[in-house]
Amino acid sequence: MHPQATASRDSPASITPPVRSSMPWRLQTVVALPGYRLSVCFIDGLSGIVDMSALVASPSAGVFAALRHAAAFERVYVENGVVTWPGELDLAPDAMHAAIKQRGEWVLA
């Protein structure tokens, strides 16, 4: 008789390999800069600047108005290849990649 495997040893987390994104527009790093700007680097090596100053200051900033406080803006991080802030705020990485590839920066207004 063979011993039965335990649930913890055969759990999906223990047998499923980690997901690694291969899409070039996935982010590797993000750093908050002064003036509501971000320095970003993608997994394909492309890097550039995201300028959010006009968007954050705009009366029509919508959910991004929460980032007007520098401390909130600086809490930016990369999650699953996407620039993200607490409160489920994020930016479209594919549009960001395309703009930076073309112009070296992405200006959001």
N, C-alpha and C. Protein backbone atom coordinates (compact mmCIF):
# COMPACT_ATOMS: atom_id res chain seq x y z
N MET A 1 0.84 -1.17 0.00
CA MET A 1 0.00 0.00 0.00
C MET A 1 0.90 1.25 0.00
N HIS A 2 0.56 2.20 -0.83
CA HIS A 2 1.32 3.43 -0.94
C HIS A 2 0.72 4.49 -0.02
N PRO A 3 1.57 5.26 0.64
CA PRO A 3 1.03 6.32 1.48
C PRO A 3 0.37 7.40 0.62
N GLN A 4 -0.70 7.97 1.13
CA GLN A 4 -1.38 9.04 0.41
C GLN A 4 -0.63 10.34 0.62
N ALA A 5 -0.60 11.14 -0.43
CA ALA A 5 0.04 12.45 -0.33
C ALA A 5 -0.83 13.37 0.51
N THR A 6 -0.20 14.23 1.23
CA THR A 6 -0.95 15.18 2.05
C THR A 6 -1.40 16.34 1.19
N ALA A 7 -2.43 17.02 1.61
CA ALA A 7 -2.98 18.14 0.86
C ALA A 7 -1.96 19.26 0.70
N SER A 8 -1.17 19.51 1.73
CA SER A 8 -0.22 20.62 1.64
C SER A 8 0.88 20.32 0.62
N ARG A 9 1.29 19.06 0.51
CA ARG A 9 2.35 18.71 -0.43
C ARG A 9 1.84 18.76 -1.87
N ASP A 10 0.58 18.46 -2.07
CA ASP A 10 0.01 18.44 -3.41
C ASP A 10 -0.88 19.65 -3.70
N SER A 11 -0.76 20.69 -2.92
CA SER A 11 -1.59 21.87 -3.15
C SER A 11 -1.15 22.54 -4.45
N PRO A 12 -2.06 23.25 -5.11
CA PRO A 12 -1.71 23.91 -6.36
C PRO A 12 -0.49 24.83 -6.22
N ALA A 13 -0.37 25.50 -5.10
CA ALA A 13 0.76 26.40 -4.90
C ALA A 13 2.09 25.66 -4.85
N SER A 14 2.06 24.42 -4.39
CA SER A 14 3.32 23.68 -4.27
C SER A 14 3.72 22.97 -5.55
N ILE A 15 2.77 22.74 -6.46
CA ILE A 15 3.11 22.01 -7.69
C ILE A 15 3.05 22.88 -8.94
N THR A 16 2.50 24.08 -8.86
CA THR A 16 2.40 24.97 -10.00
C THR A 16 3.61 25.89 -10.03
N PRO A 17 4.32 25.95 -11.16
CA PRO A 17 5.48 26.84 -11.22
C PRO A 17 5.03 28.29 -11.19
N PRO A 18 5.87 29.19 -10.71
CA PRO A 18 5.50 30.60 -10.69
C PRO A 18 5.28 31.13 -12.12
N VAL A 19 4.34 32.05 -12.26
CA VAL A 19 4.04 32.64 -13.56
C VAL A 19 5.08 33.72 -13.84
N ARG A 20 5.68 33.63 -15.00
CA ARG A 20 6.64 34.62 -15.43
C ARG A 20 6.11 35.27 -16.70
N SER A 21 5.93 36.56 -16.68
CA SER A 21 5.39 37.26 -17.82
C SER A 21 6.44 37.39 -18.92
N SER A 22 6.01 37.14 -20.14
CA SER A 22 6.93 37.29 -21.26
C SER A 22 6.54 38.45 -22.16
N MET A 23 5.49 39.16 -21.84
CA MET A 23 5.07 40.30 -22.64
C MET A 23 6.07 41.44 -22.43
N PRO A 24 6.58 42.04 -23.50
CA PRO A 24 7.61 43.08 -23.35
C PRO A 24 7.14 44.31 -22.59
N TRP A 25 5.82 44.55 -22.58
CA TRP A 25 5.31 45.74 -21.91
C TRP A 25 5.06 45.55 -20.42
N ARG A 26 5.44 44.43 -19.87
CA ARG A 26 5.33 44.25 -18.42
C ARG A 26 6.46 45.00 -17.73
N LEU A 27 6.16 45.65 -16.62
CA LEU A 27 7.14 46.44 -15.89
C LEU A 27 8.01 45.58 -15.00
N GLN A 28 9.26 45.99 -14.90
CA GLN A 28 10.19 45.35 -13.99
C GLN A 28 10.39 46.21 -12.75
N THR A 29 10.58 47.53 -12.97
CA THR A 29 10.78 48.44 -11.84
C THR A 29 10.05 49.76 -12.08
N VAL A 30 9.76 50.43 -10.97
CA VAL A 30 9.20 51.78 -11.01
C VAL A 30 9.77 52.55 -9.82
N VAL A 31 10.11 53.81 -10.08
CA VAL A 31 10.62 54.69 -9.02
C VAL A 31 9.88 56.02 -9.13
N ALA A 32 9.32 56.48 -8.03
CA ALA A 32 8.65 57.78 -8.00
C ALA A 32 9.71 58.88 -8.03
N LEU A 33 9.50 59.88 -8.89
CA LEU A 33 10.38 61.03 -9.01
C LEU A 33 9.63 62.28 -8.58
N PRO A 34 10.34 63.36 -8.28
CA PRO A 34 9.65 64.61 -7.96
C PRO A 34 8.78 65.08 -9.12
N GLY A 35 7.76 65.86 -8.81
CA GLY A 35 6.90 66.44 -9.84
C GLY A 35 5.92 65.46 -10.45
N TYR A 36 5.51 64.46 -9.69
CA TYR A 36 4.53 63.47 -10.16
C TYR A 36 4.99 62.77 -11.43
N ARG A 37 6.24 62.37 -11.41
CA ARG A 37 6.82 61.62 -12.52
C ARG A 37 7.31 60.27 -12.02
N LEU A 38 7.38 59.31 -12.93
CA LEU A 38 7.85 57.97 -12.61
C LEU A 38 8.98 57.59 -13.56
N SER A 39 9.97 56.92 -13.04
CA SER A 39 11.00 56.29 -13.87
C SER A 39 10.62 54.82 -13.93
N VAL A 40 10.49 54.29 -15.15
CA VAL A 40 10.05 52.91 -15.31
C VAL A 40 11.03 52.13 -16.18
N CYS A 41 11.09 50.83 -15.93
CA CYS A 41 11.89 49.92 -16.74
C CYS A 41 11.06 48.67 -16.99
N PHE A 42 10.97 48.28 -18.25
CA PHE A 42 10.19 47.12 -18.67
C PHE A 42 11.07 45.87 -18.72
N ILE A 43 10.44 44.71 -18.79
CA ILE A 43 11.21 43.47 -18.79
C ILE A 43 12.04 43.29 -20.06
N ASP A 44 11.72 44.03 -21.12
CA ASP A 44 12.52 43.94 -22.35
C ASP A 44 13.69 44.92 -22.35
N GLY A 45 13.87 45.64 -21.24
CA GLY A 45 15.00 46.58 -21.12
C GLY A 45 14.65 48.02 -21.47
N LEU A 46 13.51 48.27 -22.09
CA LEU A 46 13.10 49.63 -22.41
C LEU A 46 12.86 50.39 -21.12
N SER A 47 13.33 51.63 -21.06
CA SER A 47 13.08 52.46 -19.87
C SER A 47 12.73 53.86 -20.31
N GLY A 48 12.07 54.59 -19.42
CA GLY A 48 11.67 55.96 -19.74
C GLY A 48 10.95 56.60 -18.57
N ILE A 49 10.29 57.71 -18.88
CA ILE A 49 9.61 58.52 -17.86
C ILE A 49 8.11 58.57 -18.15
N VAL A 50 7.34 58.50 -17.08
CA VAL A 50 5.89 58.71 -17.13
C VAL A 50 5.63 60.01 -16.39
N ASP A 51 5.08 61.00 -17.08
CA ASP A 51 4.79 62.30 -16.48
C ASP A 51 3.30 62.39 -16.20
N MET A 52 2.96 62.35 -14.91
CA MET A 52 1.56 62.40 -14.51
C MET A 52 1.16 63.74 -13.91
N SER A 53 2.04 64.74 -14.00
CA SER A 53 1.81 66.02 -13.32
C SER A 53 0.53 66.71 -13.78
N ALA A 54 0.26 66.75 -15.09
CA ALA A 54 -0.95 67.40 -15.57
C ALA A 54 -2.20 66.63 -15.17
N LEU A 55 -2.14 65.31 -15.24
CA LEU A 55 -3.29 64.49 -14.87
C LEU A 55 -3.64 64.65 -13.39
N VAL A 56 -2.64 64.54 -12.54
CA VAL A 56 -2.89 64.60 -11.09
C VAL A 56 -3.43 65.98 -10.69
N ALA A 57 -2.98 67.03 -11.34
CA ALA A 57 -3.42 68.40 -11.00
C ALA A 57 -4.74 68.77 -11.65
N SER A 58 -5.19 68.00 -12.61
CA SER A 58 -6.40 68.32 -13.37
C SER A 58 -7.66 68.20 -12.52
N PRO A 59 -8.63 69.11 -12.75
CA PRO A 59 -9.91 68.97 -12.06
C PRO A 59 -10.64 67.69 -12.47
N SER A 60 -10.28 67.13 -13.61
CA SER A 60 -10.91 65.89 -14.06
C SER A 60 -10.00 64.67 -13.82
N ALA A 61 -9.19 64.74 -12.78
CA ALA A 61 -8.26 63.65 -12.46
C ALA A 61 -8.98 62.37 -12.06
N GLY A 62 -10.21 62.48 -11.63
CA GLY A 62 -10.97 61.30 -11.23
C GLY A 62 -10.28 60.56 -10.09
N VAL A 63 -10.12 59.24 -10.22
CA VAL A 63 -9.52 58.43 -9.15
C VAL A 63 -8.06 58.81 -8.90
N PHE A 64 -7.40 59.40 -9.89
CA PHE A 64 -5.99 59.77 -9.73
C PHE A 64 -5.80 61.02 -8.87
N ALA A 65 -6.89 61.70 -8.51
CA ALA A 65 -6.81 62.84 -7.59
C ALA A 65 -6.26 62.38 -6.24
N ALA A 66 -6.44 61.12 -5.91
CA ALA A 66 -5.92 60.58 -4.64
C ALA A 66 -4.40 60.64 -4.59
N LEU A 67 -3.75 60.80 -5.74
CA LEU A 67 -2.29 60.83 -5.78
C LEU A 67 -1.72 62.24 -5.66
N ARG A 68 -2.57 63.25 -5.44
CA ARG A 68 -2.10 64.63 -5.31
C ARG A 68 -1.17 64.80 -4.12
N HIS A 69 -1.37 64.00 -3.09
CA HIS A 69 -0.47 64.06 -1.94
C HIS A 69 0.79 63.28 -2.30
N ALA A 70 1.94 63.93 -2.17
CA ALA A 70 3.21 63.30 -2.57
C ALA A 70 3.41 61.95 -1.89
N ALA A 71 3.03 61.84 -0.62
CA ALA A 71 3.21 60.58 0.11
C ALA A 71 2.40 59.45 -0.56
N ALA A 72 1.22 59.76 -1.05
CA ALA A 72 0.41 58.75 -1.74
C ALA A 72 1.04 58.38 -3.08
N PHE A 73 1.49 59.36 -3.82
CA PHE A 73 2.11 59.10 -5.12
C PHE A 73 3.36 58.23 -4.98
N GLU A 74 4.12 58.48 -3.93
CA GLU A 74 5.38 57.75 -3.71
C GLU A 74 5.18 56.31 -3.26
N ARG A 75 3.96 55.90 -3.00
CA ARG A 75 3.68 54.51 -2.59
C ARG A 75 3.53 53.59 -3.80
N VAL A 76 3.96 54.04 -4.96
CA VAL A 76 3.87 53.27 -6.20
C VAL A 76 4.72 52.00 -6.12
N TYR A 77 4.25 50.95 -6.77
CA TYR A 77 5.00 49.70 -6.82
C TYR A 77 4.58 48.93 -8.08
N VAL A 78 5.31 47.88 -8.40
CA VAL A 78 4.97 47.02 -9.54
C VAL A 78 4.31 45.76 -8.99
N GLU A 79 3.14 45.46 -9.54
CA GLU A 79 2.44 44.22 -9.18
C GLU A 79 2.02 43.52 -10.47
N ASN A 80 2.49 42.30 -10.64
CA ASN A 80 2.19 41.52 -11.84
C ASN A 80 2.54 42.28 -13.12
N GLY A 81 3.63 43.04 -13.09
CA GLY A 81 4.09 43.76 -14.27
C GLY A 81 3.37 45.06 -14.55
N VAL A 82 2.60 45.55 -13.60
CA VAL A 82 1.80 46.76 -13.78
C VAL A 82 2.15 47.79 -12.71
N VAL A 83 2.28 49.07 -13.11
CA VAL A 83 2.47 50.16 -12.15
C VAL A 83 1.18 50.31 -11.36
N THR A 84 1.30 50.25 -10.03
CA THR A 84 0.13 50.18 -9.16
C THR A 84 0.32 51.04 -7.92
N TRP A 85 -0.79 51.53 -7.37
CA TRP A 85 -0.81 52.20 -6.08
C TRP A 85 -1.87 51.53 -5.21
N PRO A 86 -1.75 51.67 -3.90
CA PRO A 86 -2.81 51.15 -3.03
C PRO A 86 -4.16 51.76 -3.43
N GLY A 87 -5.21 51.02 -3.24
CA GLY A 87 -6.54 51.50 -3.62
C GLY A 87 -6.92 51.09 -5.03
N GLU A 88 -6.19 50.11 -5.57
CA GLU A 88 -6.47 49.55 -6.88
C GLU A 88 -6.31 50.55 -8.03
N LEU A 89 -5.39 51.48 -7.88
CA LEU A 89 -5.06 52.40 -8.98
C LEU A 89 -3.92 51.80 -9.77
N ASP A 90 -4.03 51.84 -11.09
CA ASP A 90 -2.93 51.35 -11.92
C ASP A 90 -2.94 52.04 -13.27
N LEU A 91 -1.87 51.81 -14.02
CA LEU A 91 -1.71 52.38 -15.36
C LEU A 91 -1.58 51.26 -16.38
N ALA A 92 -2.06 51.50 -17.58
CA ALA A 92 -2.01 50.50 -18.65
C ALA A 92 -0.57 50.32 -19.13
N PRO A 93 0.04 49.17 -18.87
CA PRO A 93 1.44 48.99 -19.23
C PRO A 93 1.69 48.92 -20.73
N ASP A 94 0.73 48.43 -21.50
CA ASP A 94 0.92 48.34 -22.95
C ASP A 94 0.95 49.73 -23.60
N ALA A 95 0.06 50.61 -23.18
CA ALA A 95 0.04 51.99 -23.70
C ALA A 95 1.30 52.74 -23.26
N MET A 96 1.72 52.50 -22.02
CA MET A 96 2.93 53.12 -21.49
C MET A 96 4.15 52.70 -22.32
N HIS A 97 4.27 51.41 -22.57
CA HIS A 97 5.40 50.86 -23.34
C HIS A 97 5.43 51.47 -24.74
N ALA A 98 4.29 51.53 -25.41
CA ALA A 98 4.22 52.06 -26.77
C ALA A 98 4.66 53.53 -26.82
N ALA A 99 4.17 54.33 -25.88
CA ALA A 99 4.52 55.76 -25.86
C ALA A 99 6.00 55.96 -25.56
N ILE A 100 6.52 55.22 -24.60
CA ILE A 100 7.93 55.37 -24.24
C ILE A 100 8.83 54.86 -25.36
N LYS A 101 8.42 53.81 -26.02
CA LYS A 101 9.21 53.30 -27.15
C LYS A 101 9.28 54.33 -28.27
N GLN A 102 8.19 55.05 -28.47
CA GLN A 102 8.12 56.04 -29.55
C GLN A 102 8.77 57.38 -29.17
N ARG A 103 8.53 57.85 -27.93
CA ARG A 103 8.97 59.21 -27.56
C ARG A 103 9.90 59.28 -26.36
N GLY A 104 10.12 58.17 -25.67
CA GLY A 104 10.99 58.18 -24.49
C GLY A 104 10.27 58.58 -23.22
N GLU A 105 9.03 59.01 -23.35
CA GLU A 105 8.21 59.35 -22.18
C GLU A 105 6.74 59.22 -22.52
N TRP A 106 5.95 59.08 -21.48
CA TRP A 106 4.50 59.01 -21.61
C TRP A 106 3.94 60.14 -20.76
N VAL A 107 3.29 61.10 -21.39
CA VAL A 107 2.71 62.23 -20.69
C VAL A 107 1.21 62.02 -20.61
N LEU A 108 0.69 61.96 -19.38
CA LEU A 108 -0.73 61.79 -19.14
C LEU A 108 -1.35 63.13 -18.80
N ALA A 109 -2.42 63.46 -19.47
CA ALA A 109 -3.07 64.76 -19.22
C ALA A 109 -4.52 64.58 -18.87
